[in-house]
PDB file of N, CA and C in Angstrom:
ATOM      1  N   ALA A   1     204.134  81.462 149.754  1.00  0.00           N
ATOM      2  CA  ALA A   1     202.816  80.898 150.024  1.00  0.00           C
ATOM      3  C   ALA A   1     202.162  81.672 151.164  1.00  0.00           C
ATOM      4  N   ASP A   2     200.860  81.680 151.139  1.00  0.00           N
ATOM      5  CA  ASP A   2     200.097  82.227 152.256  1.00  0.00           C
ATOM      6  C   ASP A   2     199.738  81.076 153.178  1.00  0.00           C
ATOM      7  N   PHE A   3     199.410  81.405 154.423  1.00  0.00           N
ATOM      8  CA  PHE A   3     198.988  80.353 155.338  1.00  0.00           C
ATOM      9  C   PHE A   3     197.992  80.903 156.339  1.00  0.00           C
ATOM     10  N   SER A   4     197.203  79.977 156.868  1.00  0.00           N
ATOM     11  CA  SER A   4     196.290  80.323 157.951  1.00  0.00           C
ATOM     12  C   SER A   4     196.483  79.284 159.056  1.00  0.00           C
ATOM     13  N   VAL A   5     196.295  79.731 160.298  1.00  0.00           N
ATOM     14  CA  VAL A   5     196.474  78.861 161.455  1.00  0.00           C
ATOM     15  C   VAL A   5     195.216  78.932 162.297  1.00  0.00           C
ATOM     16  N   ARG A   6     194.732  77.765 162.705  1.00  0.00           N
ATOM     17  CA  ARG A   6     193.612  77.746 163.651  1.00  0.00           C
ATOM     18  C   ARG A   6     193.824  76.611 164.633  1.00  0.00           C
ATOM     19  N   GLN A   7     193.321  76.801 165.841  1.00  0.00           N
ATOM     20  CA  GLN A   7     193.476  75.798 166.884  1.00  0.00           C
ATOM     21  C   GLN A   7     192.122  75.204 167.214  1.00  0.00           C
ATOM     22  N   GLU A   8     192.082  73.876 167.271  1.00  0.00           N
ATOM     23  CA  GLU A   8     190.883  73.136 167.659  1.00  0.00           C
ATOM     24  C   GLU A   8     191.276  72.197 168.790  1.00  0.00           C
ATOM     25  N   LYS A   9     190.890  72.521 169.992  1.00  0.00           N
ATOM     26  CA  LYS A   9     191.249  71.740 171.179  1.00  0.00           C
ATOM     27  C   LYS A   9     192.741  71.460 171.198  1.00  0.00           C
ATOM     28  N   GLN A  10     193.181  70.210 170.981  1.00  0.00           N
ATOM     29  CA  GLN A  10     194.593  69.841 171.059  1.00  0.00           C
ATOM     30  C   GLN A  10     195.276  69.783 169.688  1.00  0.00           C
ATOM     31  N   ILE A  11     194.656  70.366 168.664  1.00  0.00           N
ATOM     32  CA  ILE A  11     195.208  70.328 167.310  1.00  0.00           C
ATOM     33  C   ILE A  11     195.429  71.745 166.792  1.00  0.00           C
ATOM     34  N   ILE A  12     196.609  71.973 166.251  1.00  0.00           N
ATOM     35  CA  ILE A  12     196.882  73.224 165.553  1.00  0.00           C
ATOM     36  C   ILE A  12     196.912  72.888 164.065  1.00  0.00           C
ATOM     37  N   ARG A  13     196.029  73.525 163.292  1.00  0.00           N
ATOM     38  CA  ARG A  13     195.930  73.276 161.858  1.00  0.00           C
ATOM     39  C   ARG A  13     196.538  74.449 161.098  1.00  0.00           C
ATOM     40  N   VAL A  14     197.452  74.118 160.195  1.00  0.00           N
ATOM     41  CA  VAL A  14     198.081  75.118 159.340  1.00  0.00           C
ATOM     42  C   VAL A  14     197.752  74.756 157.901  1.00  0.00           C
ATOM     43  N   GLU A  15     197.140  75.696 157.189  1.00  0.00           N
ATOM     44  CA  GLU A  15     196.766  75.484 155.793  1.00  0.00           C
ATOM     45  C   GLU A  15     197.553  76.449 154.926  1.00  0.00           C
ATOM     46  N   PHE A  16     198.297  75.912 153.965  1.00  0.00           N
ATOM     47  CA  PHE A  16     199.070  76.729 153.029  1.00  0.00           C
ATOM     48  C   PHE A  16     198.294  76.878 151.729  1.00  0.00           C
ATOM     49  N   SER A  17     198.453  78.037 151.086  1.00  0.00           N
ATOM     50  CA  SER A  17     197.847  78.250 149.773  1.00  0.00           C
ATOM     51  C   SER A  17     198.757  79.160 148.964  1.00  0.00           C
ATOM     52  N   GLY A  18     198.554  79.147 147.676  1.00  0.00           N
ATOM     53  CA  GLY A  18     199.362  79.984 146.799  1.00  0.00           C
ATOM     54  C   GLY A  18     199.762  79.238 145.545  1.00  0.00           C
ATOM     55  N   ARG A  19     200.425  79.948 144.656  1.00  0.00           N
ATOM     56  CA  ARG A  19     200.781  79.389 143.348  1.00  0.00           C
ATOM     57  C   ARG A  19     201.835  78.298 143.414  1.00  0.00           C
ATOM     58  N   HIS A  20     202.767  78.382 144.341  1.00  0.00           N
ATOM     59  CA  HIS A  20     203.912  77.486 144.337  1.00  0.00           C
ATOM     60  C   HIS A  20     203.946  76.564 145.559  1.00  0.00           C
ATOM     61  N   VAL A  21     202.787  76.143 146.047  1.00  0.00           N
ATOM     62  CA  VAL A  21     202.777  75.276 147.229  1.00  0.00           C
ATOM     63  C   VAL A  21     203.293  73.876 146.921  1.00  0.00           C
ATOM     64  N   GLY A  22     203.422  73.542 145.654  1.00  0.00           N
ATOM     65  CA  GLY A  22     203.990  72.242 145.291  1.00  0.00           C
ATOM     66  C   GLY A  22     205.367  72.035 145.898  1.00  0.00           C
ATOM     67  N   THR A  23     206.119  73.095 146.028  1.00  0.00           N
ATOM     68  CA  THR A  23     207.442  73.025 146.652  1.00  0.00           C
ATOM     69  C   THR A  23     207.311  72.636 148.115  1.00  0.00           C
ATOM     70  N   LEU A  24     206.297  73.151 148.793  1.00  0.00           N
ATOM     71  CA  LEU A  24     206.065  72.796 150.193  1.00  0.00           C
ATOM     72  C   LEU A  24     205.598  71.355 150.338  1.00  0.00           C
ATOM     73  N   ILE A  25     204.882  70.857 149.348  1.00  0.00           N
ATOM     74  CA  ILE A  25     204.362  69.492 149.415  1.00  0.00           C
ATOM     75  C   ILE A  25     205.490  68.490 149.186  1.00  0.00           C
ATOM     76  N   GLY A  26     206.271  68.678 148.141  1.00  0.00           N
ATOM     77  CA  GLY A  26     207.351  67.748 147.823  1.00  0.00           C
ATOM     78  C   GLY A  26     206.806  66.464 147.212  1.00  0.00           C
ATOM     79  N   ARG A  27     207.691  65.524 146.960  1.00  0.00           N
ATOM     80  CA  ARG A  27     207.306  64.246 146.342  1.00  0.00           C
ATOM     81  C   ARG A  27     206.500  63.426 147.346  1.00  0.00           C
ATOM     82  N   HIS A  28     205.285  63.085 146.961  1.00  0.00           N
ATOM     83  CA  HIS A  28     204.366  62.300 147.801  1.00  0.00           C
ATOM     84  C   HIS A  28     204.191  62.914 149.186  1.00  0.00           C
ATOM     85  N   GLY A  29     204.315  64.221 149.293  1.00  0.00           N
ATOM     86  CA  GLY A  29     204.081  64.903 150.563  1.00  0.00           C
ATOM     87  C   GLY A  29     205.238  64.827 151.536  1.00  0.00           C
ATOM     88  N   ASN A  30     206.400  64.359 151.083  1.00  0.00           N
ATOM     89  CA  ASN A  30     207.532  64.185 151.995  1.00  0.00           C
ATOM     90  C   ASN A  30     207.991  65.496 152.620  1.00  0.00           C
ATOM     91  N   THR A  31     208.038  66.566 151.848  1.00  0.00           N
ATOM     92  CA  THR A  31     208.467  67.855 152.395  1.00  0.00           C
ATOM     93  C   THR A  31     207.442  68.372 153.396  1.00  0.00           C
ATOM     94  N   LEU A  32     206.168  68.266 153.053  1.00  0.00           N
ATOM     95  CA  LEU A  32     205.110  68.706 153.966  1.00  0.00           C
ATOM     96  C   LEU A  32     205.158  67.902 155.269  1.00  0.00           C
ATOM     97  N   ASP A  33     205.367  66.592 155.168  1.00  0.00           N
ATOM     98  CA  ASP A  33     205.489  65.748 156.362  1.00  0.00           C
ATOM     99  C   ASP A  33     206.679  66.172 157.218  1.00  0.00           C
ATOM    100  N   ALA A  34     207.800  66.487 156.568  1.00  0.00           N
ATOM    101  CA  ALA A  34     209.002  66.891 157.306  1.00  0.00           C
ATOM    102  C   ALA A  34     208.781  68.221 158.026  1.00  0.00           C
ATOM    103  N   ILE A  35     208.162  69.173 157.339  1.00  0.00           N
ATOM    104  CA  ILE A  35     207.873  70.472 157.961  1.00  0.00           C
ATOM    105  C   ILE A  35     206.930  70.281 159.150  1.00  0.00           C
ATOM    106  N   GLN A  36     205.928  69.438 158.967  1.00  0.00           N
ATOM    107  CA  GLN A  36     204.967  69.159 160.049  1.00  0.00           C
ATOM    108  C   GLN A  36     205.682  68.515 161.240  1.00  0.00           C
ATOM    109  N   PHE A  37     206.578  67.567 160.985  1.00  0.00           N
ATOM    110  CA  PHE A  37     207.302  66.877 162.050  1.00  0.00           C
ATOM    111  C   PHE A  37     208.198  67.842 162.830  1.00  0.00           C
ATOM    112  N   ILE A  38     208.961  68.655 162.109  1.00  0.00           N
ATOM    113  CA  ILE A  38     209.866  69.602 162.760  1.00  0.00           C
ATOM    114  C   ILE A  38     209.071  70.633 163.567  1.00  0.00           C
ATOM    115  N   THR A  39     207.961  71.088 163.017  1.00  0.00           N
ATOM    116  CA  THR A  39     207.111  72.043 163.734  1.00  0.00           C
ATOM    117  C   THR A  39     206.559  71.412 165.002  1.00  0.00           C
ATOM    118  N   SER A  40     206.147  70.156 164.914  1.00  0.00           N
ATOM    119  CA  SER A  40     205.625  69.451 166.083  1.00  0.00           C
ATOM    120  C   SER A  40     206.688  69.338 167.174  1.00  0.00           C
ATOM    121  N   LEU A  41     207.918  69.024 166.783  1.00  0.00           N
ATOM    122  CA  LEU A  41     209.012  68.949 167.766  1.00  0.00           C
ATOM    123  C   LEU A  41     209.221  70.291 168.449  1.00  0.00           C
ATOM    124  N   ALA A  42     209.208  71.369 167.674  1.00  0.00           N
ATOM    125  CA  ALA A  42     209.432  72.704 168.236  1.00  0.00           C
ATOM    126  C   ALA A  42     208.287  73.116 169.162  1.00  0.00           C
ATOM    127  N   VAL A  43     207.065  72.875 168.736  1.00  0.00           N
ATOM    128  CA  VAL A  43     205.900  73.277 169.532  1.00  0.00           C
ATOM    129  C   VAL A  43     205.808  72.479 170.827  1.00  0.00           C
ATOM    130  N   ASN A  44     206.162  71.206 170.779  1.00  0.00           N
ATOM    131  CA  ASN A  44     206.000  70.324 171.940  1.00  0.00           C
ATOM    132  C   ASN A  44     207.296  70.114 172.717  1.00  0.00           C
ATOM    133  N   ARG A  45     208.240  71.012 172.575  1.00  0.00           N
ATOM    134  CA  ARG A  45     209.547  70.892 173.194  1.00  0.00           C
ATOM    135  C   ARG A  45     209.506  71.066 174.708  1.00  0.00           C
ATOM    136  N   GLY A  46     208.636  71.892 175.197  1.00  0.00           N
ATOM    137  CA  GLY A  46     208.599  72.199 176.629  1.00  0.00           C
ATOM    138  C   GLY A  46     207.817  71.179 177.429  1.00  0.00           C
ATOM    139  N   ASP A  47     207.560  71.515 178.677  1.00  0.00           N
ATOM    140  CA  ASP A  47     206.821  70.634 179.577  1.00  0.00           C
ATOM    141  C   ASP A  47     205.319  70.869 179.511  1.00  0.00           C
ATOM    142  N   GLY A  48     204.893  71.743 178.622  1.00  0.00           N
ATOM    143  CA  GLY A  48     203.477  72.090 178.539  1.00  0.00           C
ATOM    144  C   GLY A  48     202.635  70.983 177.927  1.00  0.00           C
ATOM    145  N   GLN A  49     201.447  71.343 177.606  1.00  0.00           N
ATOM    146  CA  GLN A  49     200.461  70.432 177.051  1.00  0.00           C
ATOM    147  C   GLN A  49     200.850  70.037 175.624  1.00  0.00           C
ATOM    148  N   TYR A  50     200.679  68.759 175.277  1.00  0.00           N
ATOM    149  CA  TYR A  50     201.007  68.270 173.940  1.00  0.00           C
ATOM    150  C   TYR A  50     199.982  68.790 172.933  1.00  0.00           C
ATOM    151  N   MET A  51     200.474  69.312 171.815  1.00  0.00           N
ATOM    152  CA  MET A  51     199.610  69.803 170.746  1.00  0.00           C
ATOM    153  C   MET A  51     199.913  69.010 169.477  1.00  0.00           C
ATOM    154  N   ARG A  52     198.896  68.498 168.834  1.00  0.00           N
ATOM    155  CA  ARG A  52     199.075  67.811 167.554  1.00  0.00           C
ATOM    156  C   ARG A  52     199.128  68.871 166.463  1.00  0.00           C
ATOM    157  N   ILE A  53     200.080  68.740 165.555  1.00  0.00           N
ATOM    158  CA  ILE A  53     200.240  69.677 164.452  1.00  0.00           C
ATOM    159  C   ILE A  53     199.761  69.002 163.181  1.00  0.00           C
ATOM    160  N   TYR A  54     198.901  69.677 162.447  1.00  0.00           N
ATOM    161  CA  TYR A  54     198.394  69.159 161.177  1.00  0.00           C
ATOM    162  C   TYR A  54     198.618  70.229 160.123  1.00  0.00           C
ATOM    163  N   MET A  55     199.396  69.895 159.084  1.00  0.00           N
ATOM    164  CA  MET A  55     199.674  70.859 158.013  1.00  0.00           C
ATOM    165  C   MET A  55     199.179  70.295 156.691  1.00  0.00           C
ATOM    166  N   ASP A  56     198.594  71.179 155.889  1.00  0.00           N
ATOM    167  CA  ASP A  56     198.112  70.784 154.570  1.00  0.00           C
ATOM    168  C   ASP A  56     198.364  71.940 153.608  1.00  0.00           C
ATOM    169  N   ALA A  57     198.422  71.619 152.335  1.00  0.00           N
ATOM    170  CA  ALA A  57     198.641  72.629 151.302  1.00  0.00           C
ATOM    171  C   ALA A  57     197.621  72.401 150.189  1.00  0.00           C
ATOM    172  N   GLN A  58     196.713  73.326 150.044  1.00  0.00           N
ATOM    173  CA  GLN A  58     195.657  73.285 149.032  1.00  0.00           C
ATOM    174  C   GLN A  58     194.977  71.921 148.961  1.00  0.00           C
ATOM    175  N   ASN A  59     194.603  71.405 150.133  1.00  0.00           N
ATOM    176  CA  ASN A  59     193.845  70.158 150.264  1.00  0.00           C
ATOM    177  C   ASN A  59     194.608  68.947 149.720  1.00  0.00           C
ATOM    178  N   TYR A  60     195.946  69.006 149.740  1.00  0.00           N
ATOM    179  CA  TYR A  60     196.769  67.904 149.230  1.00  0.00           C
ATOM    180  C   TYR A  60     196.477  66.592 149.949  1.00  0.00           C
ATOM    181  N   ARG A  61     196.377  66.626 151.261  1.00  0.00           N
ATOM    182  CA  ARG A  61     196.228  65.377 152.027  1.00  0.00           C
ATOM    183  C   ARG A  61     194.937  64.642 151.661  1.00  0.00           C
ATOM    184  N   LYS A  62     193.849  65.351 151.466  1.00  0.00           N
ATOM    185  CA  LYS A  62     192.590  64.706 151.073  1.00  0.00           C
ATOM    186  C   LYS A  62     192.702  64.139 149.656  1.00  0.00           C
ATOM    187  N   ARG A  63     193.314  64.896 148.754  1.00  0.00           N
ATOM    188  CA  ARG A  63     193.504  64.404 147.379  1.00  0.00           C
ATOM    189  C   ARG A  63     194.398  63.171 147.361  1.00  0.00           C
ATOM    190  N   ARG A  64     195.447  63.148 148.175  1.00  0.00           N
ATOM    191  CA  ARG A  64     196.349  61.993 148.254  1.00  0.00           C
ATOM    192  C   ARG A  64     195.616  60.786 148.821  1.00  0.00           C
ATOM    193  N   GLU A  65     194.790  61.014 149.839  1.00  0.00           N
ATOM    194  CA  GLU A  65     194.013  59.918 150.421  1.00  0.00           C
ATOM    195  C   GLU A  65     193.091  59.293 149.371  1.00  0.00           C
ATOM    196  N   MET A  66     192.409  60.122 148.605  1.00  0.00           N
ATOM    197  CA  MET A  66     191.518  59.611 147.560  1.00  0.00           C
ATOM    198  C   MET A  66     192.307  58.848 146.497  1.00  0.00           C
ATOM    199  N   ALA A  67     193.483  59.350 146.124  1.00  0.00           N
ATOM    200  CA  ALA A  67     194.321  58.669 145.132  1.00  0.00           C
ATOM    201  C   ALA A  67     194.801  57.320 145.662  1.00  0.00           C
ATOM    202  N   LEU A  68     195.158  57.254 146.949  1.00  0.00           N
ATOM    203  CA  LEU A  68     195.611  55.995 147.534  1.00  0.00           C
ATOM    204  C   LEU A  68     194.480  54.977 147.628  1.00  0.00           C
ATOM    205  N   GLU A  69     193.267  55.437 147.954  1.00  0.00           N
ATOM    206  CA  GLU A  69     192.116  54.528 147.997  1.00  0.00           C
ATOM    207  C   GLU A  69     191.839  53.965 146.605  1.00  0.00           C
ATOM    208  N   LYS A  70     191.920  54.822 145.593  1.00  0.00           N
ATOM    209  CA  LYS A  70     191.725  54.377 144.209  1.00  0.00           C
ATOM    210  C   LYS A  70     192.802  53.357 143.822  1.00  0.00           C
ATOM    211  N   LEU A  71     194.051  53.638 144.187  1.00  0.00           N
ATOM    212  CA  LEU A  71     195.157  52.720 143.922  1.00  0.00           C
ATOM    213  C   LEU A  71     194.922  51.378 144.621  1.00  0.00           C
ATOM    214  N   ALA A  72     194.468  51.416 145.876  1.00  0.00           N
ATOM    215  CA  ALA A  72     194.225  50.186 146.629  1.00  0.00           C
ATOM    216  C   ALA A  72     193.228  49.293 145.903  1.00  0.00           C
ATOM    217  N   HIS A  73     192.130  49.868 145.449  1.00  0.00           N
ATOM    218  CA  HIS A  73     191.101  49.073 144.770  1.00  0.00           C
ATOM    219  C   HIS A  73     191.588  48.567 143.407  1.00  0.00           C
ATOM    220  N   LYS A  74     192.356  49.387 142.726  1.00  0.00           N
ATOM    221  CA  LYS A  74     192.915  48.969 141.431  1.00  0.00           C
ATOM    222  C   LYS A  74     193.876  47.789 141.619  1.00  0.00           C
ATOM    223  N   MET A  75     194.741  47.876 142.609  1.00  0.00           N
ATOM    224  CA  MET A  75     195.702  46.805 142.857  1.00  0.00           C
ATOM    225  C   MET A  75     195.018  45.546 143.399  1.00  0.00           C
ATOM    226  N   ALA A  76     193.922  45.719 144.137  1.00  0.00           N
ATOM    227  CA  ALA A  76     193.147  44.559 144.592  1.00  0.00           C
ATOM    228  C   ALA A  76     192.557  43.836 143.389  1.00  0.00           C
ATOM    229  N   ARG A  77     192.025  44.597 142.432  1.00  0.00           N
ATOM    230  CA  ARG A  77     191.499  43.981 141.202  1.00  0.00           C
ATOM    231  C   ARG A  77     192.598  43.245 140.454  1.00  0.00           C
ATOM    232  N   ARG A  78     193.790  43.834 140.417  1.00  0.00           N
ATOM    233  CA  ARG A  78     194.916  43.183 139.746  1.00  0.00           C
ATOM    234  C   ARG A  78     195.283  41.872 140.445  1.00  0.00           C
ATOM    235  N   ALA A  79     195.329  41.890 141.776  1.00  0.00           N
ATOM    236  CA  ALA A  79     195.652  40.673 142.529  1.00  0.00           C
ATOM    237  C   ALA A  79     194.626  39.576 142.247  1.00  0.00           C
ATOM    238  N   VAL A  80     193.343  39.948 142.206  1.00  0.00           N
ATOM    239  CA  VAL A  80     192.283  38.979 141.956  1.00  0.00           C
ATOM    240  C   VAL A  80     192.380  38.443 140.522  1.00  0.00           C
ATOM    241  N   SER A  81     192.600  39.325 139.560  1.00  0.00           N
ATOM    242  CA  SER A  81     192.617  38.894 138.153  1.00  0.00           C
ATOM    243  C   SER A  81     193.846  38.049 137.817  1.00  0.00           C
ATOM    244  N   THR A  82     194.982  38.333 138.447  1.00  0.00           N
ATOM    245  CA  THR A  82     196.198  37.571 138.144  1.00  0.00           C
ATOM    246  C   THR A  82     196.399  36.382 139.072  1.00  0.00           C
ATOM    247  N   GLY A  83     195.742  36.416 140.225  1.00  0.00           N
ATOM    248  CA  GLY A  83     195.934  35.352 141.212  1.00  0.00           C
ATOM    249  C   GLY A  83     197.255  35.457 141.944  1.00  0.00           C
ATOM    250  N   ARG A  84     197.933  36.586 141.816  1.00  0.00           N
ATOM    251  CA  ARG A  84     199.230  36.790 142.446  1.00  0.00           C
ATOM    252  C   ARG A  84     199.178  37.978 143.394  1.00  0.00           C
ATOM    253  N   ARG A  85     200.079  37.984 144.347  1.00  0.00           N
ATOM    254  CA  ARG A  85     200.137  39.113 145.273  1.00  0.00           C
ATOM    255  C   ARG A  85     200.693  40.333 144.557  1.00  0.00           C
ATOM    256  N   VAL A  86     200.321  41.521 145.048  1.00  0.00           N
ATOM    257  CA  VAL A  86     200.798  42.775 144.496  1.00  0.00           C
ATOM    258  C   VAL A  86     201.533  43.516 145.615  1.00  0.00           C
ATOM    259  N   VAL A  87     202.749  43.948 145.317  1.00  0.00           N
ATOM    260  CA  VAL A  87     203.559  44.686 146.288  1.00  0.00           C
ATOM    261  C   VAL A  87     203.610  46.143 145.834  1.00  0.00           C
ATOM    262  N   LEU A  88     203.177  47.047 146.704  1.00  0.00           N
ATOM    263  CA  LEU A  88     203.152  48.468 146.373  1.00  0.00           C
ATOM    264  C   LEU A  88     204.491  49.129 146.682  1.00  0.00           C
ATOM    265  N   GLU A  89     204.648  50.353 146.230  1.00  0.00           N
ATOM    266  CA  GLU A  89     205.861  51.122 146.498  1.00  0.00           C
ATOM    267  C   GLU A  89     205.962  51.414 147.997  1.00  0.00           C
ATOM    268  N   PRO A  90     207.166  51.706 148.494  1.00  0.00           N
ATOM    269  CA  PRO A  90     207.302  52.060 149.912  1.00  0.00           C
ATOM    270  C   PRO A  90     206.442  53.275 150.255  1.00  0.00           C
ATOM    271  N   MET A  91     205.837  53.229 151.440  1.00  0.00           N
ATOM    272  CA  MET A  91     204.964  54.323 151.895  1.00  0.00           C
ATOM    273  C   MET A  91     205.221  54.604 153.363  1.00  0.00           C
ATOM    274  N   ASN A  92     204.847  55.808 153.771  1.00  0.00           N
ATOM    275  CA  ASN A  92     204.938  56.142 155.185  1.00  0.00           C
ATOM    276  C   ASN A  92     203.781  55.467 155.926  1.00  0.00           C
ATOM    277  N   PRO A  93     203.837  55.429 157.257  1.00  0.00           N
ATOM    278  CA  PRO A  93     202.801  54.715 158.015  1.00  0.00           C
ATOM    279  C   PRO A  93     201.377  55.210 157.745  1.00  0.00           C
ATOM    280  N   ASN A  94     201.194  56.510 157.590  1.00  0.00           N
ATOM    281  CA  ASN A  94     199.858  57.038 157.352  1.00  0.00           C
ATOM    282  C   ASN A  94     199.305  56.558 156.009  1.00  0.00           C
ATOM    283  N   GLU A  95     200.139  56.556 154.981  1.00  0.00           N
ATOM    284  CA  GLU A  95     199.688  56.109 153.667  1.00  0.00           C
ATOM    285  C   GLU A  95     199.396  54.611 153.665  1.00  0.00           C
ATOM    286  N   ARG A  96     200.223  53.829 154.368  1.00  0.00           N
ATOM    287  CA  ARG A  96     199.942  52.381 154.468  1.00  0.00           C
ATOM    288  C   ARG A  96     198.611  52.148 155.168  1.00  0.00           C
ATOM    289  N   ARG A  97     198.345  52.933 156.217  1.00  0.00           N
ATOM    290  CA  ARG A  97     197.079  52.792 156.944  1.00  0.00           C
ATOM    291  C   ARG A  97     195.897  53.049 156.021  1.00  0.00           C
ATOM    292  N   ILE A  98     196.006  54.030 155.134  1.00  0.00           N
ATOM    293  CA  ILE A  98     194.928  54.342 154.194  1.00  0.00           C
ATOM    294  C   ILE A  98     194.661  53.144 153.284  1.00  0.00           C
ATOM    295  N   ILE A  99     195.724  52.497 152.777  1.00  0.00           N
ATOM    296  CA  ILE A  99     195.568  51.320 151.919  1.00  0.00           C
ATOM    297  C   ILE A  99     194.906  50.184 152.699  1.00  0.00           C
ATOM    298  N   HIS A 100     195.419  49.892 153.894  1.00  0.00           N
ATOM    299  CA  HIS A 100     194.851  48.810 154.715  1.00  0.00           C
ATOM    300  C   HIS A 100     193.371  49.067 155.009  1.00  0.00           C
ATOM    301  N   THR A 101     193.040  50.283 155.367  1.00  0.00           N
ATOM    302  CA  THR A 101     191.652  50.631 155.699  1.00  0.00           C
ATOM    303  C   THR A 101     190.749  50.516 154.476  1.00  0.00           C
ATOM    304  N   ALA A 102     191.238  50.948 153.319  1.00  0.00           N
ATOM    305  CA  ALA A 102     190.434  50.891 152.095  1.00  0.00           C
ATOM    306  C   ALA A 102     190.065  49.457 151.732  1.00  0.00           C
ATOM    307  N   LEU A 103     190.927  48.506 152.082  1.00  0.00           N
ATOM    308  CA  LEU A 103     190.682  47.113 151.684  1.00  0.00           C
ATOM    309  C   LEU A 103     190.305  46.193 152.838  1.00  0.00           C
ATOM    310  N   GLN A 104     190.102  46.744 154.014  1.00  0.00           N
ATOM    311  CA  GLN A 104     189.861  45.887 155.177  1.00  0.00           C
ATOM    312  C   GLN A 104     188.597  45.030 155.055  1.00  0.00           C
ATOM    313  N   ASN A 105     187.596  45.481 154.332  1.00  0.00           N
ATOM    314  CA  ASN A 105     186.360  44.701 154.179  1.00  0.00           C
ATOM    315  C   ASN A 105     186.235  44.054 152.808  1.00  0.00           C
ATOM    316  N   HIS A 106     187.329  44.030 152.062  1.00  0.00           N
ATOM    317  CA  HIS A 106     187.317  43.425 150.729  1.00  0.00           C
ATOM    318  C   HIS A 106     187.121  41.918 150.875  1.00  0.00           C
ATOM    319  N   GLU A 107     186.272  41.353 150.059  1.00  0.00           N
ATOM    320  CA  GLU A 107     185.929  39.928 150.185  1.00  0.00           C
ATOM    321  C   GLU A 107     187.011  38.994 149.675  1.00  0.00           C
ATOM    322  N   GLU A 108     187.871  39.465 148.775  1.00  0.00           N
ATOM    323  CA  GLU A 108     188.802  38.547 148.129  1.00  0.00           C
ATOM    324  C   GLU A 108     190.273  38.749 148.450  1.00  0.00           C
ATOM    325  N   VAL A 109     190.629  39.870 149.083  1.00  0.00           N
ATOM    326  CA  VAL A 109     192.052  40.120 149.356  1.00  0.00           C
ATOM    327  C   VAL A 109     192.301  40.488 150.809  1.00  0.00           C
ATOM    328  N   ASN A 110     193.539  40.234 151.228  1.00  0.00           N
ATOM    329  CA  ASN A 110     194.073  40.661 152.521  1.00  0.00           C
ATOM    330  C   ASN A 110     195.209  41.635 152.256  1.00  0.00           C
ATOM    331  N   THR A 111     195.545  42.425 153.253  1.00  0.00           N
ATOM    332  CA  THR A 111     196.711  43.295 153.147  1.00  0.00           C
ATOM    333  C   THR A 111     197.660  43.004 154.291  1.00  0.00           C
ATOM    334  N   GLY A 112     198.906  43.249 154.059  1.00  0.00           N
ATOM    335  CA  GLY A 112     199.941  43.127 155.069  1.00  0.00           C
ATOM    336  C   GLY A 112     201.058  44.082 154.707  1.00  0.00           C
ATOM    337  N   SER A 113     202.093  44.117 155.513  1.00  0.00           N
ATOM    338  CA  SER A 113     203.232  44.979 155.219  1.00  0.00           C
ATOM    339  C   SER A 113     204.514  44.176 155.322  1.00  0.00           C
ATOM    340  N   ILE A 114     205.484  44.530 154.484  1.00  0.00           N
ATOM    341  CA  ILE A 114     206.804  43.913 154.530  1.00  0.00           C
ATOM    342  C   ILE A 114     207.851  45.019 154.502  1.00  0.00           C
ATOM    343  N   GLY A 115     209.052  44.690 154.947  1.00  0.00           N
ATOM    344  CA  GLY A 115     210.139  45.655 154.921  1.00  0.00           C
ATOM    345  C   GLY A 115     210.287  46.381 156.236  1.00  0.00           C
ATOM    346  N   GLU A 116     211.289  47.229 156.284  1.00  0.00           N
ATOM    347  CA  GLU A 116     211.602  47.974 157.499  1.00  0.00           C
ATOM    348  C   GLU A 116     211.721  49.457 157.188  1.00  0.00           C
ATOM    349  N   GLY A 117     211.345  50.277 158.128  1.00  0.00           N
ATOM    350  CA  GLY A 117     211.553  51.722 158.046  1.00  0.00           C
ATOM    351  C   GLY A 117     210.987  52.349 156.790  1.00  0.00           C
ATOM    352  N   GLN A 118     211.805  53.120 156.107  1.00  0.00           N
ATOM    353  CA  GLN A 118     211.374  53.843 154.909  1.00  0.00           C
ATOM    354  C   GLN A 118     211.104  52.919 153.731  1.00  0.00           C
ATOM    355  N   HIS A 119     211.497  51.658 153.856  1.00  0.00           N
ATOM    356  CA  HIS A 119     211.317  50.699 152.763  1.00  0.00           C
ATOM    357  C   HIS A 119     210.108  49.795 152.985  1.00  0.00           C
ATOM    358  N   ARG A 120     209.296  50.095 153.972  1.00  0.00           N
ATOM    359  CA  ARG A 120     208.129  49.275 154.293  1.00  0.00           C
ATOM    360  C   ARG A 120     207.062  49.460 153.221  1.00  0.00           C
ATOM    361  N   ARG A 121     206.492  48.331 152.760  1.00  0.00           N
ATOM    362  CA  ARG A 121     205.534  48.326 151.653  1.00  0.00           C
ATOM    363  C   ARG A 121     204.280  47.548 152.035  1.00  0.00           C
ATOM    364  N   VAL A 122     203.180  47.877 151.393  1.00  0.00           N
ATOM    365  CA  VAL A 122     201.936  47.126 151.555  1.00  0.00           C
ATOM    366  C   VAL A 122     201.937  46.000 150.529  1.00  0.00           C
ATOM    367  N   VAL A 123     201.490  44.816 150.965  1.00  0.00           N
ATOM    368  CA  VAL A 123     201.331  43.670 150.093  1.00  0.00           C
ATOM    369  C   VAL A 123     199.858  43.316 150.076  1.00  0.00           C
ATOM    370  N   ILE A 124     199.302  43.197 148.871  1.00  0.00           N
ATOM    371  CA  ILE A 124     197.905  42.812 148.697  1.00  0.00           C
ATOM    372  C   ILE A 124     197.920  41.390 148.151  1.00  0.00           C
ATOM    373  N   SER A 125     197.299  40.460 148.874  1.00  0.00           N
ATOM    374  CA  SER A 125     197.283  39.068 148.451  1.00  0.00           C
ATOM    375  C   SER A 125     195.883  38.492 148.542  1.00  0.00           C
ATOM    376  N   LEU A 126     195.672  37.394 147.850  1.00  0.00           N
ATOM    377  CA  LEU A 126     194.367  36.732 147.837  1.00  0.00           C
ATOM    378  C   LEU A 126     194.102  36.080 149.192  1.00  0.00           C
ATOM    379  N   LYS A 127     192.844  36.100 149.608  1.00  0.00           N
ATOM    380  CA  LYS A 127     192.443  35.370 150.803  1.00  0.00           C
ATOM    381  C   LYS A 127     192.473  33.883 150.472  1.00  0.00           C
ATOM    382  N   ARG A 128     192.846  33.083 151.389  1.00  0.00           N
ATOM    383  CA  ARG A 128     192.901  31.627 151.177  1.00  0.00           C
ATOM    384  C   ARG A 128     191.644  30.979 151.656  1.00  0.00           C
TER     385      ARG A 128
END
C-alpha cells in the first residue's frame, strides 16, 4: 500500500491507498484500529508533547460511519415496529458513540449499552 502523512496541530494523519488496503483495514476496521493504537503508543512514548494519531485507508472510516448511521436508523425502525428492544453486535467505543449520536434526537427510541469490554453492545429501546 501507499501512504501519505500530514500533521495538523496535535494530530498526525496517515492515509493508506492501494489495491490491497483491505488487509490493513481488517474485519470492521479492527486491524486498522490496532495499527493506529500501536503507532500512537510508539509516537507518544517519550516525555514530549502528546500527538493524536489518525489512520484511514481509502476513506474507510467515513464509509463505516455512514453504514453505522444507516444501521442505527434501520434498527430504530425495527424497535418501533416490533415494540421490542434491539441489541446490536459488539462494537468498539467509537462505533457505539456513532450509534448513540445518530439516535440521540430520535423521538421514539433511547440507546444504552450493555456488556463489558470487547463484548459491549448498543441496545435500542422504546421511550416510555
